[in-house]
Amino acid sequence: MRGTTNLACRAVLFDMDGVLTDSTVAAERAWTQWAHEFGVDPDEVLRGLHGRRAADTVRMHVPASEQAGALRRINEIEVADAGSTAPIPGARELVDSLPGNWALVTSAPPELLAVRLAAVGIPLPPVVINGDDVTHGKPDPEGYLKAAGKLGLPIGECLVFEDSGNGVAAGLAAEAATVVGVGTGALHTPAPVVVPDLRAVRWTGHGIEVTEDLRAS
């Protein structure tokens, strides 16, 4: 894309995995191990995994009587491997430039999100909505609506960064000001703007400036 695009907003709502942190390999490795331990087909588990709460994935593959233990086990595996998490390029610089007007909306449980952010040196934002804070996970818009409410702003004045189909659907359903997809995988979602990583965006004081939109390439 030549030139820049300015997207007006008063606050920024981030997904975590695939947006601020690169944990795709670690997550898929953890869920593959979990699938083998519980006698589940790993390919079935990994299909549609990203952007979905662990509890929702567990319910899809494990009998009700085993779900509590299965959920504890995947959390143990993922937390143990959190040190392999890498930052998405530009993530730390972007959040450091924001004047406290940002939130994290992630499907991850509290302990996992804390250790993954710590691994990449990103501080917890003023508002965090994790997978345990919502009744309905993504693609339901509940998490994004709650985050905007806690920031004291209408969702229509908040911009969402997402990478997965489930997450983009949640941001669009919430009717955020704009949903920006992160990474080439987001080209397969309805996100109207897609950036390669967060080096392609900056906070202007009045919103987000996009310097490279893969949709326009």
N, C-alpha and C. Protein backbone atom coordinates (compact mmCIF):
# COMPACT_ATOMS: atom_id res chain seq x y z
N MET A 1 0.83 -1.19 0.00
CA MET A 1 0.00 0.00 0.00
C MET A 1 0.87 1.24 0.00
N ARG A 2 0.62 2.19 -0.87
CA ARG A 2 1.33 3.45 -0.87
C ARG A 2 0.60 4.45 0.01
N GLY A 3 1.39 5.32 0.66
CA GLY A 3 0.78 6.29 1.54
C GLY A 3 0.36 5.66 2.85
N THR A 4 -0.48 6.36 3.58
CA THR A 4 -0.92 5.89 4.88
C THR A 4 -2.43 6.00 4.99
N THR A 5 -2.97 5.23 5.94
CA THR A 5 -4.39 5.31 6.26
C THR A 5 -4.52 5.61 7.73
N ASN A 6 -5.35 6.58 8.07
CA ASN A 6 -5.58 6.94 9.47
C ASN A 6 -6.94 6.42 9.92
N LEU A 7 -6.93 5.65 11.00
CA LEU A 7 -8.14 5.04 11.54
C LEU A 7 -8.43 5.69 12.89
N ALA A 8 -9.47 6.49 12.93
CA ALA A 8 -9.80 7.23 14.15
C ALA A 8 -10.29 6.29 15.25
N CYS A 9 -9.83 6.52 16.45
CA CYS A 9 -10.31 5.78 17.63
C CYS A 9 -9.80 6.47 18.87
N ARG A 10 -10.41 6.16 19.99
CA ARG A 10 -9.97 6.69 21.28
C ARG A 10 -9.26 5.66 22.14
N ALA A 11 -9.43 4.38 21.79
CA ALA A 11 -8.80 3.30 22.55
C ALA A 11 -8.51 2.13 21.61
N VAL A 12 -7.59 1.27 22.05
CA VAL A 12 -7.18 0.13 21.24
C VAL A 12 -7.36 -1.14 22.07
N LEU A 13 -8.04 -2.12 21.48
CA LEU A 13 -8.29 -3.40 22.13
C LEU A 13 -7.52 -4.48 21.39
N PHE A 14 -6.64 -5.18 22.09
CA PHE A 14 -5.78 -6.18 21.49
C PHE A 14 -6.18 -7.60 21.89
N ASP A 15 -6.19 -8.50 20.93
CA ASP A 15 -6.06 -9.91 21.25
C ASP A 15 -4.61 -10.11 21.68
N MET A 16 -4.26 -11.25 22.24
CA MET A 16 -2.88 -11.48 22.66
C MET A 16 -2.13 -12.38 21.67
N ASP A 17 -2.49 -13.66 21.62
CA ASP A 17 -1.74 -14.61 20.80
C ASP A 17 -1.91 -14.30 19.32
N GLY A 18 -0.79 -14.11 18.64
CA GLY A 18 -0.82 -13.78 17.22
C GLY A 18 -0.91 -12.30 16.95
N VAL A 19 -1.11 -11.49 18.00
CA VAL A 19 -1.22 -10.04 17.85
C VAL A 19 -0.10 -9.35 18.63
N LEU A 20 0.00 -9.64 19.92
CA LEU A 20 1.10 -9.12 20.74
C LEU A 20 2.19 -10.16 20.94
N THR A 21 1.80 -11.41 21.03
CA THR A 21 2.77 -12.49 21.26
C THR A 21 2.67 -13.54 20.16
N ASP A 22 3.82 -14.09 19.80
CA ASP A 22 3.87 -15.16 18.81
C ASP A 22 3.99 -16.48 19.55
N SER A 23 2.86 -17.12 19.78
CA SER A 23 2.83 -18.37 20.54
C SER A 23 2.19 -19.49 19.74
N THR A 24 2.08 -19.31 18.44
CA THR A 24 1.38 -20.30 17.61
C THR A 24 2.03 -21.67 17.70
N VAL A 25 3.35 -21.72 17.54
CA VAL A 25 4.06 -23.00 17.57
C VAL A 25 3.92 -23.64 18.94
N ALA A 26 4.10 -22.83 20.00
CA ALA A 26 4.00 -23.36 21.37
C ALA A 26 2.60 -23.88 21.64
N ALA A 27 1.58 -23.14 21.21
CA ALA A 27 0.20 -23.56 21.47
C ALA A 27 -0.12 -24.85 20.73
N GLU A 28 0.28 -24.94 19.48
CA GLU A 28 -0.01 -26.15 18.72
C GLU A 28 0.76 -27.35 19.25
N ARG A 29 1.99 -27.11 19.73
CA ARG A 29 2.76 -28.18 20.34
C ARG A 29 2.09 -28.66 21.62
N ALA A 30 1.61 -27.72 22.43
CA ALA A 30 0.95 -28.07 23.69
C ALA A 30 -0.34 -28.85 23.45
N TRP A 31 -1.15 -28.37 22.51
CA TRP A 31 -2.42 -29.05 22.25
C TRP A 31 -2.21 -30.40 21.58
N THR A 32 -1.15 -30.56 20.81
CA THR A 32 -0.85 -31.87 20.22
C THR A 32 -0.48 -32.86 21.32
N GLN A 33 0.35 -32.41 22.27
CA GLN A 33 0.69 -33.27 23.41
C GLN A 33 -0.56 -33.64 24.20
N TRP A 34 -1.40 -32.63 24.45
CA TRP A 34 -2.63 -32.87 25.20
C TRP A 34 -3.52 -33.88 24.48
N ALA A 35 -3.65 -33.74 23.17
CA ALA A 35 -4.50 -34.64 22.38
C ALA A 35 -4.01 -36.07 22.50
N HIS A 36 -2.71 -36.28 22.42
CA HIS A 36 -2.17 -37.64 22.55
C HIS A 36 -2.45 -38.20 23.95
N GLU A 37 -2.33 -37.36 24.98
CA GLU A 37 -2.55 -37.82 26.35
C GLU A 37 -4.01 -38.24 26.57
N PHE A 38 -4.93 -37.56 25.86
CA PHE A 38 -6.35 -37.83 26.08
C PHE A 38 -6.98 -38.65 24.95
N GLY A 39 -6.13 -39.21 24.07
CA GLY A 39 -6.62 -40.10 23.03
C GLY A 39 -7.50 -39.42 22.00
N VAL A 40 -7.16 -38.18 21.68
CA VAL A 40 -7.93 -37.39 20.72
C VAL A 40 -7.08 -37.15 19.48
N ASP A 41 -7.70 -37.06 18.32
CA ASP A 41 -6.99 -36.79 17.07
C ASP A 41 -6.44 -35.36 17.12
N PRO A 42 -5.10 -35.17 17.08
CA PRO A 42 -4.54 -33.82 17.14
C PRO A 42 -5.03 -32.92 16.02
N ASP A 43 -5.20 -33.46 14.83
CA ASP A 43 -5.66 -32.62 13.72
C ASP A 43 -7.05 -32.05 14.00
N GLU A 44 -7.90 -32.84 14.62
CA GLU A 44 -9.24 -32.36 14.97
C GLU A 44 -9.16 -31.27 16.03
N VAL A 45 -8.25 -31.43 16.98
CA VAL A 45 -8.10 -30.45 18.05
C VAL A 45 -7.58 -29.12 17.49
N LEU A 46 -6.61 -29.19 16.58
CA LEU A 46 -5.99 -27.98 16.06
C LEU A 46 -6.89 -27.22 15.09
N ARG A 47 -7.87 -27.89 14.52
CA ARG A 47 -8.75 -27.24 13.56
C ARG A 47 -9.62 -26.20 14.28
N GLY A 48 -9.45 -24.94 13.93
CA GLY A 48 -10.24 -23.87 14.55
C GLY A 48 -9.81 -23.53 15.97
N LEU A 49 -8.62 -23.98 16.38
CA LEU A 49 -8.15 -23.79 17.75
C LEU A 49 -7.95 -22.32 18.11
N HIS A 50 -7.33 -21.57 17.21
CA HIS A 50 -6.89 -20.22 17.54
C HIS A 50 -8.07 -19.26 17.71
N GLY A 51 -7.99 -18.49 18.79
CA GLY A 51 -9.07 -17.57 19.10
C GLY A 51 -10.20 -18.18 19.91
N ARG A 52 -10.04 -19.44 20.29
CA ARG A 52 -11.08 -20.13 21.06
C ARG A 52 -10.57 -20.40 22.47
N ARG A 53 -11.43 -20.27 23.47
CA ARG A 53 -11.04 -20.56 24.84
C ARG A 53 -10.69 -22.04 25.00
N ALA A 54 -9.71 -22.32 25.86
CA ALA A 54 -9.32 -23.70 26.11
C ALA A 54 -10.51 -24.53 26.60
N ALA A 55 -11.33 -23.93 27.46
CA ALA A 55 -12.48 -24.66 27.99
C ALA A 55 -13.44 -25.08 26.89
N ASP A 56 -13.59 -24.23 25.87
CA ASP A 56 -14.49 -24.56 24.76
C ASP A 56 -13.91 -25.68 23.91
N THR A 57 -12.59 -25.65 23.70
CA THR A 57 -11.95 -26.72 22.94
C THR A 57 -12.04 -28.04 23.69
N VAL A 58 -11.77 -28.00 24.98
CA VAL A 58 -11.84 -29.22 25.80
C VAL A 58 -13.24 -29.83 25.72
N ARG A 59 -14.27 -29.00 25.82
CA ARG A 59 -15.65 -29.50 25.77
C ARG A 59 -15.97 -30.19 24.46
N MET A 60 -15.30 -29.79 23.40
CA MET A 60 -15.56 -30.37 22.09
C MET A 60 -15.03 -31.79 21.95
N HIS A 61 -14.04 -32.16 22.80
CA HIS A 61 -13.31 -33.40 22.56
C HIS A 61 -13.28 -34.38 23.73
N VAL A 62 -13.72 -33.95 24.91
CA VAL A 62 -13.58 -34.79 26.10
C VAL A 62 -14.93 -34.95 26.78
N PRO A 63 -15.27 -36.15 27.27
CA PRO A 63 -16.52 -36.34 28.00
C PRO A 63 -16.62 -35.42 29.21
N ALA A 64 -17.84 -35.10 29.58
CA ALA A 64 -18.08 -34.15 30.67
C ALA A 64 -17.36 -34.54 31.96
N SER A 65 -17.31 -35.85 32.23
CA SER A 65 -16.70 -36.32 33.48
C SER A 65 -15.20 -36.07 33.54
N GLU A 66 -14.56 -35.85 32.39
CA GLU A 66 -13.11 -35.67 32.33
C GLU A 66 -12.71 -34.22 32.06
N GLN A 67 -13.67 -33.34 31.85
CA GLN A 67 -13.33 -32.01 31.36
C GLN A 67 -12.54 -31.16 32.34
N ALA A 68 -12.85 -31.23 33.61
CA ALA A 68 -12.14 -30.41 34.60
C ALA A 68 -10.66 -30.78 34.62
N GLY A 69 -10.36 -32.08 34.67
CA GLY A 69 -8.97 -32.52 34.68
C GLY A 69 -8.27 -32.22 33.37
N ALA A 70 -8.99 -32.35 32.26
CA ALA A 70 -8.41 -32.08 30.95
C ALA A 70 -8.06 -30.61 30.80
N LEU A 71 -8.91 -29.73 31.35
CA LEU A 71 -8.63 -28.30 31.27
C LEU A 71 -7.42 -27.93 32.14
N ARG A 72 -7.34 -28.51 33.32
CA ARG A 72 -6.18 -28.26 34.17
C ARG A 72 -4.90 -28.70 33.47
N ARG A 73 -4.98 -29.84 32.77
CA ARG A 73 -3.78 -30.38 32.13
C ARG A 73 -3.29 -29.50 30.99
N ILE A 74 -4.19 -29.00 30.13
CA ILE A 74 -3.72 -28.16 29.03
C ILE A 74 -3.16 -26.85 29.57
N ASN A 75 -3.74 -26.34 30.64
CA ASN A 75 -3.19 -25.12 31.24
C ASN A 75 -1.79 -25.36 31.78
N GLU A 76 -1.57 -26.52 32.40
CA GLU A 76 -0.23 -26.86 32.90
C GLU A 76 0.78 -26.94 31.77
N ILE A 77 0.41 -27.60 30.68
CA ILE A 77 1.33 -27.77 29.56
C ILE A 77 1.67 -26.42 28.93
N GLU A 78 0.66 -25.58 28.74
CA GLU A 78 0.91 -24.29 28.09
C GLU A 78 1.73 -23.35 28.97
N VAL A 79 1.44 -23.31 30.26
CA VAL A 79 2.21 -22.44 31.15
C VAL A 79 3.66 -22.88 31.21
N ALA A 80 3.90 -24.19 31.24
CA ALA A 80 5.27 -24.71 31.31
C ALA A 80 6.09 -24.32 30.08
N ASP A 81 5.42 -24.13 28.94
CA ASP A 81 6.12 -23.82 27.70
C ASP A 81 6.05 -22.34 27.34
N ALA A 82 5.58 -21.51 28.25
CA ALA A 82 5.37 -20.09 27.94
C ALA A 82 6.67 -19.36 27.64
N GLY A 83 7.79 -19.88 28.14
CA GLY A 83 9.07 -19.24 27.89
C GLY A 83 9.48 -19.21 26.44
N SER A 84 8.85 -20.04 25.61
CA SER A 84 9.18 -20.07 24.18
C SER A 84 8.41 -19.01 23.39
N THR A 85 7.57 -18.24 24.07
CA THR A 85 6.79 -17.19 23.41
C THR A 85 7.71 -16.08 22.92
N ALA A 86 7.46 -15.59 21.71
CA ALA A 86 8.23 -14.49 21.14
C ALA A 86 7.31 -13.29 20.92
N PRO A 87 7.87 -12.08 20.87
CA PRO A 87 7.02 -10.91 20.63
C PRO A 87 6.68 -10.77 19.15
N ILE A 88 5.51 -10.26 18.86
CA ILE A 88 5.19 -9.85 17.49
C ILE A 88 5.97 -8.56 17.23
N PRO A 89 6.68 -8.46 16.11
CA PRO A 89 7.46 -7.25 15.84
C PRO A 89 6.61 -5.98 15.93
N GLY A 90 7.12 -5.02 16.68
CA GLY A 90 6.44 -3.75 16.85
C GLY A 90 5.45 -3.71 18.00
N ALA A 91 5.18 -4.84 18.64
CA ALA A 91 4.15 -4.88 19.69
C ALA A 91 4.54 -4.03 20.90
N ARG A 92 5.74 -4.22 21.41
CA ARG A 92 6.15 -3.49 22.61
C ARG A 92 6.18 -1.98 22.33
N GLU A 93 6.70 -1.61 21.17
CA GLU A 93 6.79 -0.20 20.83
C GLU A 93 5.40 0.45 20.74
N LEU A 94 4.44 -0.30 20.18
CA LEU A 94 3.10 0.25 20.04
C LEU A 94 2.43 0.43 21.40
N VAL A 95 2.46 -0.60 22.24
CA VAL A 95 1.77 -0.47 23.53
C VAL A 95 2.44 0.57 24.42
N ASP A 96 3.77 0.71 24.28
CA ASP A 96 4.46 1.72 25.08
C ASP A 96 4.06 3.13 24.67
N SER A 97 3.60 3.29 23.43
CA SER A 97 3.22 4.61 22.94
C SER A 97 1.79 4.99 23.31
N LEU A 98 1.02 4.03 23.79
CA LEU A 98 -0.39 4.30 24.10
C LEU A 98 -0.52 4.93 25.49
N PRO A 99 -1.36 5.95 25.61
CA PRO A 99 -1.50 6.67 26.88
C PRO A 99 -2.47 6.02 27.85
N GLY A 100 -2.31 4.73 28.08
CA GLY A 100 -3.19 4.04 29.03
C GLY A 100 -4.55 3.69 28.48
N ASN A 101 -4.76 3.93 27.19
CA ASN A 101 -6.08 3.73 26.60
C ASN A 101 -6.15 2.42 25.82
N TRP A 102 -5.68 1.34 26.44
CA TRP A 102 -5.72 0.07 25.74
C TRP A 102 -6.11 -1.05 26.68
N ALA A 103 -6.60 -2.12 26.05
CA ALA A 103 -7.06 -3.28 26.81
C ALA A 103 -6.65 -4.56 26.09
N LEU A 104 -6.59 -5.63 26.85
CA LEU A 104 -6.30 -6.95 26.31
C LEU A 104 -7.58 -7.78 26.40
N VAL A 105 -7.96 -8.39 25.29
CA VAL A 105 -9.13 -9.26 25.26
C VAL A 105 -8.67 -10.59 24.68
N THR A 106 -8.44 -11.56 25.56
CA THR A 106 -7.83 -12.81 25.14
C THR A 106 -8.63 -14.01 25.63
N SER A 107 -8.55 -15.08 24.87
CA SER A 107 -9.20 -16.32 25.28
C SER A 107 -8.38 -17.07 26.32
N ALA A 108 -7.13 -16.65 26.53
CA ALA A 108 -6.24 -17.32 27.47
C ALA A 108 -6.69 -17.12 28.91
N PRO A 109 -6.46 -18.10 29.79
CA PRO A 109 -6.76 -17.92 31.21
C PRO A 109 -5.72 -17.01 31.87
N PRO A 110 -6.00 -16.52 33.08
CA PRO A 110 -5.15 -15.50 33.72
C PRO A 110 -3.68 -15.87 33.85
N GLU A 111 -3.36 -17.07 34.34
CA GLU A 111 -1.96 -17.43 34.54
C GLU A 111 -1.20 -17.49 33.23
N LEU A 112 -1.83 -18.05 32.19
CA LEU A 112 -1.15 -18.18 30.91
C LEU A 112 -0.90 -16.82 30.28
N LEU A 113 -1.87 -15.94 30.32
CA LEU A 113 -1.66 -14.62 29.71
C LEU A 113 -0.56 -13.87 30.43
N ALA A 114 -0.49 -14.01 31.76
CA ALA A 114 0.53 -13.30 32.53
C ALA A 114 1.93 -13.78 32.17
N VAL A 115 2.12 -15.08 32.05
CA VAL A 115 3.47 -15.59 31.77
C VAL A 115 3.86 -15.34 30.32
N ARG A 116 2.92 -15.37 29.40
CA ARG A 116 3.27 -15.08 28.00
C ARG A 116 3.64 -13.61 27.82
N LEU A 117 2.90 -12.70 28.44
CA LEU A 117 3.25 -11.29 28.34
C LEU A 117 4.60 -11.02 29.01
N ALA A 118 4.84 -11.64 30.15
CA ALA A 118 6.12 -11.46 30.83
C ALA A 118 7.27 -11.97 29.98
N ALA A 119 7.04 -13.05 29.23
CA ALA A 119 8.10 -13.62 28.40
C ALA A 119 8.55 -12.66 27.30
N VAL A 120 7.65 -11.77 26.86
CA VAL A 120 8.00 -10.84 25.79
C VAL A 120 8.18 -9.41 26.29
N GLY A 121 8.09 -9.21 27.61
CA GLY A 121 8.34 -7.90 28.19
C GLY A 121 7.24 -6.88 27.97
N ILE A 122 6.00 -7.34 27.80
CA ILE A 122 4.86 -6.43 27.64
C ILE A 122 4.09 -6.38 28.96
N PRO A 123 3.87 -5.18 29.48
CA PRO A 123 3.16 -5.05 30.77
C PRO A 123 1.67 -5.32 30.61
N LEU A 124 1.04 -5.67 31.71
CA LEU A 124 -0.41 -5.81 31.71
C LEU A 124 -1.03 -4.43 31.49
N PRO A 125 -2.05 -4.34 30.64
CA PRO A 125 -2.71 -3.06 30.41
C PRO A 125 -3.66 -2.71 31.54
N PRO A 126 -4.24 -1.51 31.50
CA PRO A 126 -5.19 -1.11 32.54
C PRO A 126 -6.41 -2.02 32.62
N VAL A 127 -6.82 -2.58 31.48
CA VAL A 127 -7.99 -3.44 31.43
C VAL A 127 -7.62 -4.77 30.77
N VAL A 128 -7.95 -5.86 31.43
CA VAL A 128 -7.72 -7.20 30.87
C VAL A 128 -9.02 -7.99 30.97
N ILE A 129 -9.45 -8.54 29.84
CA ILE A 129 -10.58 -9.47 29.82
C ILE A 129 -10.03 -10.79 29.35
N ASN A 130 -10.03 -11.79 30.24
CA ASN A 130 -9.49 -13.09 29.88
C ASN A 130 -10.61 -14.10 29.67
N GLY A 131 -10.21 -15.30 29.30
CA GLY A 131 -11.19 -16.32 28.97
C GLY A 131 -12.13 -16.68 30.11
N ASP A 132 -11.69 -16.43 31.35
CA ASP A 132 -12.54 -16.74 32.51
C ASP A 132 -13.53 -15.62 32.83
N ASP A 133 -13.36 -14.48 32.17
CA ASP A 133 -14.20 -13.31 32.48
C ASP A 133 -15.48 -13.24 31.67
N VAL A 134 -15.62 -14.14 30.72
CA VAL A 134 -16.79 -14.07 29.83
C VAL A 134 -17.58 -15.37 29.89
N THR A 135 -18.86 -15.25 29.64
CA THR A 135 -19.72 -16.43 29.56
C THR A 135 -19.58 -17.09 28.19
N HIS A 136 -19.42 -16.25 27.18
CA HIS A 136 -19.32 -16.75 25.81
C HIS A 136 -18.00 -16.26 25.20
N GLY A 137 -17.17 -17.21 24.75
CA GLY A 137 -15.90 -16.84 24.13
C GLY A 137 -16.07 -16.39 22.69
N LYS A 138 -14.97 -15.92 22.11
CA LYS A 138 -14.98 -15.54 20.70
C LYS A 138 -15.43 -16.74 19.85
N PRO A 139 -16.23 -16.53 18.83
CA PRO A 139 -16.54 -15.30 18.10
C PRO A 139 -17.63 -14.43 18.70
N ASP A 140 -18.12 -14.75 19.89
CA ASP A 140 -19.10 -13.87 20.55
C ASP A 140 -18.41 -12.54 20.90
N PRO A 141 -19.11 -11.42 20.77
CA PRO A 141 -18.49 -10.11 21.03
C PRO A 141 -18.38 -9.72 22.50
N GLU A 142 -18.82 -10.60 23.41
CA GLU A 142 -18.90 -10.24 24.83
C GLU A 142 -17.60 -9.64 25.37
N GLY A 143 -16.47 -10.26 25.06
CA GLY A 143 -15.20 -9.80 25.61
C GLY A 143 -14.86 -8.38 25.19
N TYR A 144 -15.07 -8.08 23.92
CA TYR A 144 -14.76 -6.73 23.44
C TYR A 144 -15.72 -5.69 24.00
N LEU A 145 -16.97 -6.05 24.15
CA LEU A 145 -17.93 -5.12 24.73
C LEU A 145 -17.60 -4.84 26.20
N LYS A 146 -17.18 -5.87 26.92
CA LYS A 146 -16.80 -5.68 28.32
C LYS A 146 -15.57 -4.78 28.44
N ALA A 147 -14.60 -4.99 27.56
CA ALA A 147 -13.37 -4.19 27.62
C ALA A 147 -13.66 -2.72 27.37
N ALA A 148 -14.47 -2.43 26.36
CA ALA A 148 -14.83 -1.04 26.07
C ALA A 148 -15.56 -0.43 27.26
N GLY A 149 -16.46 -1.20 27.86
CA GLY A 149 -17.20 -0.71 29.02
C GLY A 149 -16.28 -0.37 30.18
N LYS A 150 -15.27 -1.21 30.42
CA LYS A 150 -14.34 -0.96 31.52
C LYS A 150 -13.44 0.24 31.24
N LEU A 151 -13.19 0.51 29.97
CA LEU A 151 -12.44 1.71 29.61
C LEU A 151 -13.31 2.96 29.63
N GLY A 152 -14.62 2.76 29.76
CA GLY A 152 -15.54 3.88 29.81
C GLY A 152 -15.83 4.51 28.47
N LEU A 153 -15.72 3.70 27.41
CA LEU A 153 -15.91 4.22 26.05
C LEU A 153 -16.91 3.36 25.28
N PRO A 154 -17.60 3.96 24.31
CA PRO A 154 -18.43 3.15 23.41
C PRO A 154 -17.53 2.26 22.56
N ILE A 155 -17.96 1.07 22.27
CA ILE A 155 -17.16 0.16 21.45
C ILE A 155 -16.91 0.77 20.07
N GLY A 156 -17.80 1.61 19.60
CA GLY A 156 -17.62 2.25 18.30
C GLY A 156 -16.48 3.25 18.25
N GLU A 157 -15.87 3.55 19.41
CA GLU A 157 -14.71 4.43 19.45
C GLU A 157 -13.44 3.66 19.78
N CYS A 158 -13.53 2.33 19.70
CA CYS A 158 -12.38 1.46 19.99
C CYS A 158 -11.98 0.69 18.73
N LEU A 159 -10.68 0.60 18.51
CA LEU A 159 -10.15 -0.18 17.40
C LEU A 159 -9.67 -1.53 17.92
N VAL A 160 -9.93 -2.59 17.17
CA VAL A 160 -9.56 -3.95 17.58
C VAL A 160 -8.46 -4.50 16.69
N PHE A 161 -7.44 -5.11 17.31
CA PHE A 161 -6.42 -5.86 16.59
C PHE A 161 -6.64 -7.34 16.84
N GLU A 162 -6.77 -8.12 15.78
CA GLU A 162 -7.02 -9.56 15.87
C GLU A 162 -6.26 -10.30 14.78
N ASP A 163 -6.09 -11.61 14.96
CA ASP A 163 -5.42 -12.40 13.93
C ASP A 163 -6.23 -13.58 13.45
N SER A 164 -7.16 -14.09 14.26
CA SER A 164 -7.88 -15.31 13.93
C SER A 164 -9.27 -15.01 13.40
N GLY A 165 -9.85 -15.99 12.73
CA GLY A 165 -11.21 -15.85 12.25
C GLY A 165 -12.19 -15.63 13.38
N ASN A 166 -12.03 -16.39 14.48
CA ASN A 166 -12.92 -16.22 15.63
C ASN A 166 -12.81 -14.83 16.22
N GLY A 167 -11.58 -14.32 16.32
CA GLY A 167 -11.37 -13.02 16.91
C GLY A 167 -11.88 -11.88 16.05
N VAL A 168 -11.60 -11.95 14.75
CA VAL A 168 -12.10 -10.92 13.84
C VAL A 168 -13.62 -10.89 13.87
N ALA A 169 -14.23 -12.08 13.87
CA ALA A 169 -15.70 -12.15 13.94
C ALA A 169 -16.22 -11.49 15.20
N ALA A 170 -15.51 -11.68 16.33
CA ALA A 170 -15.94 -11.06 17.58
C ALA A 170 -15.85 -9.55 17.51
N GLY A 171 -14.76 -9.02 16.95
CA GLY A 171 -14.60 -7.58 16.83
C GLY A 171 -15.63 -6.96 15.93
N LEU A 172 -15.93 -7.63 14.81
CA LEU A 172 -16.94 -7.13 13.89
C LEU A 172 -18.33 -7.18 14.51
N ALA A 173 -18.62 -8.28 15.21
CA ALA A 173 -19.93 -8.41 15.85
C ALA A 173 -20.13 -7.37 16.95
N ALA A 174 -19.03 -6.99 17.61
CA ALA A 174 -19.11 -5.97 18.65
C ALA A 174 -19.35 -4.58 18.06
N GLU A 175 -19.11 -4.44 16.76
CA GLU A 175 -19.23 -3.16 16.05
C GLU A 175 -18.19 -2.16 16.51
N ALA A 176 -16.93 -2.65 16.59
CA ALA A 176 -15.80 -1.78 16.88
C ALA A 176 -15.60 -0.78 15.74
N ALA A 177 -14.88 0.30 16.02
CA ALA A 177 -14.63 1.32 15.00
C ALA A 177 -14.01 0.70 13.76
N THR A 178 -13.00 -0.14 13.96
CA THR A 178 -12.33 -0.86 12.88
C THR A 178 -11.74 -2.13 13.48
N VAL A 179 -11.67 -3.18 12.69
CA VAL A 179 -10.95 -4.38 13.08
C VAL A 179 -9.76 -4.51 12.14
N VAL A 180 -8.57 -4.50 12.70
CA VAL A 180 -7.35 -4.64 11.93
C VAL A 180 -6.80 -6.05 12.12
N GLY A 181 -6.66 -6.79 11.04
CA GLY A 181 -6.08 -8.12 11.10
C GLY A 181 -4.57 -8.04 11.15
N VAL A 182 -3.94 -8.96 11.87
CA VAL A 182 -2.49 -8.99 12.02
C VAL A 182 -1.95 -10.30 11.45
N GLY A 183 -1.01 -10.20 10.51
CA GLY A 183 -0.41 -11.39 9.92
C GLY A 183 -1.12 -11.84 8.66
N THR A 184 -0.40 -12.59 7.83
CA THR A 184 -0.96 -13.02 6.55
C THR A 184 -2.17 -13.93 6.73
N GLY A 185 -2.24 -14.66 7.84
CA GLY A 185 -3.40 -15.51 8.08
C GLY A 185 -4.69 -14.72 8.17
N ALA A 186 -4.60 -13.46 8.56
CA ALA A 186 -5.79 -12.62 8.69
C ALA A 186 -6.38 -12.26 7.34
N LEU A 187 -5.63 -12.50 6.26
CA LEU A 187 -6.18 -12.26 4.93
C LEU A 187 -7.33 -13.22 4.63
N HIS A 188 -7.41 -14.30 5.38
CA HIS A 188 -8.49 -15.29 5.20
C HIS A 188 -9.69 -14.97 6.09
N THR A 189 -9.66 -13.81 6.73
CA THR A 189 -10.77 -13.35 7.58
C THR A 189 -11.41 -12.13 6.94
N PRO A 190 -12.56 -11.68 7.45
CA PRO A 190 -13.19 -10.48 6.89
C PRO A 190 -12.62 -9.17 7.41
N ALA A 191 -11.48 -9.18 8.10
CA ALA A 191 -10.90 -7.93 8.59
C ALA A 191 -10.70 -6.96 7.43
N PRO A 192 -11.21 -5.75 7.53
CA PRO A 192 -11.11 -4.81 6.40
C PRO A 192 -9.71 -4.30 6.14
N VAL A 193 -8.86 -4.30 7.16
CA VAL A 193 -7.47 -3.89 7.05
C VAL A 193 -6.61 -5.00 7.63
N VAL A 194 -5.52 -5.35 6.94
CA VAL A 194 -4.62 -6.40 7.43
C VAL A 194 -3.18 -5.89 7.33
N VAL A 195 -2.46 -5.95 8.45
CA VAL A 195 -1.06 -5.53 8.48
C VAL A 195 -0.17 -6.75 8.69
N PRO A 196 1.08 -6.70 8.17
CA PRO A 196 1.96 -7.86 8.35
C PRO A 196 2.35 -8.08 9.80
N ASP A 197 2.58 -7.00 10.54
CA ASP A 197 2.84 -7.04 11.98
C ASP A 197 2.65 -5.63 12.51
N LEU A 198 2.97 -5.41 13.77
CA LEU A 198 2.64 -4.12 14.37
C LEU A 198 3.68 -3.03 14.09
N ARG A 199 4.72 -3.35 13.34
CA ARG A 199 5.62 -2.29 12.87
C ARG A 199 4.92 -1.43 11.82
N ALA A 200 3.83 -1.92 11.27
CA ALA A 200 3.12 -1.21 10.21
C ALA A 200 2.08 -0.24 10.75
N VAL A 201 2.04 -0.06 12.07
CA VAL A 201 1.05 0.85 12.65
C VAL A 201 1.70 1.71 13.72
N ARG A 202 1.09 2.87 13.98
CA ARG A 202 1.56 3.72 15.09
C ARG A 202 0.38 4.51 15.64
N TRP A 203 0.50 4.90 16.91
CA TRP A 203 -0.50 5.73 17.56
C TRP A 203 -0.20 7.19 17.24
N THR A 204 -1.20 7.92 16.76
CA THR A 204 -1.00 9.31 16.37
C THR A 204 -1.45 10.31 17.41
N GLY A 205 -2.17 9.84 18.42
CA GLY A 205 -2.79 10.73 19.37
C GLY A 205 -4.28 10.85 19.12
N HIS A 206 -4.69 10.51 17.91
CA HIS A 206 -6.10 10.56 17.55
C HIS A 206 -6.60 9.23 16.97
N GLY A 207 -5.71 8.26 16.91
CA GLY A 207 -6.07 6.98 16.34
C GLY A 207 -4.84 6.22 15.88
N ILE A 208 -5.05 5.27 15.01
CA ILE A 208 -3.98 4.41 14.50
C ILE A 208 -3.69 4.76 13.04
N GLU A 209 -2.42 4.96 12.76
CA GLU A 209 -1.96 5.19 11.38
C GLU A 209 -1.39 3.88 10.84
N VAL A 210 -1.90 3.45 9.71
CA VAL A 210 -1.45 2.21 9.06
C VAL A 210 -0.56 2.58 7.87
N THR A 211 0.64 2.03 7.85
CA THR A 211 1.57 2.34 6.77
C THR A 211 1.72 1.20 5.75
N GLU A 212 1.17 0.04 6.07
CA GLU A 212 1.21 -1.08 5.12
C GLU A 212 -0.02 -1.94 5.31
N ASP A 213 -0.90 -1.93 4.34
CA ASP A 213 -2.13 -2.71 4.39
C ASP A 213 -2.02 -3.82 3.35
N LEU A 214 -1.97 -5.07 3.81
CA LEU A 214 -1.83 -6.20 2.89
C LEU A 214 -3.04 -6.34 1.98
N ARG A 215 -4.17 -5.83 2.39
CA ARG A 215 -5.37 -5.89 1.54
C ARG A 215 -5.16 -5.07 0.27
N ALA A 216 -4.35 -4.02 0.39
CA ALA A 216 -4.17 -3.11 -0.72
C ALA A 216 -2.90 -3.41 -1.53
N SER A 217 -2.21 -4.46 -1.14
CA SER A 217 -0.95 -4.79 -1.83
C SER A 217 -1.20 -5.35 -3.21
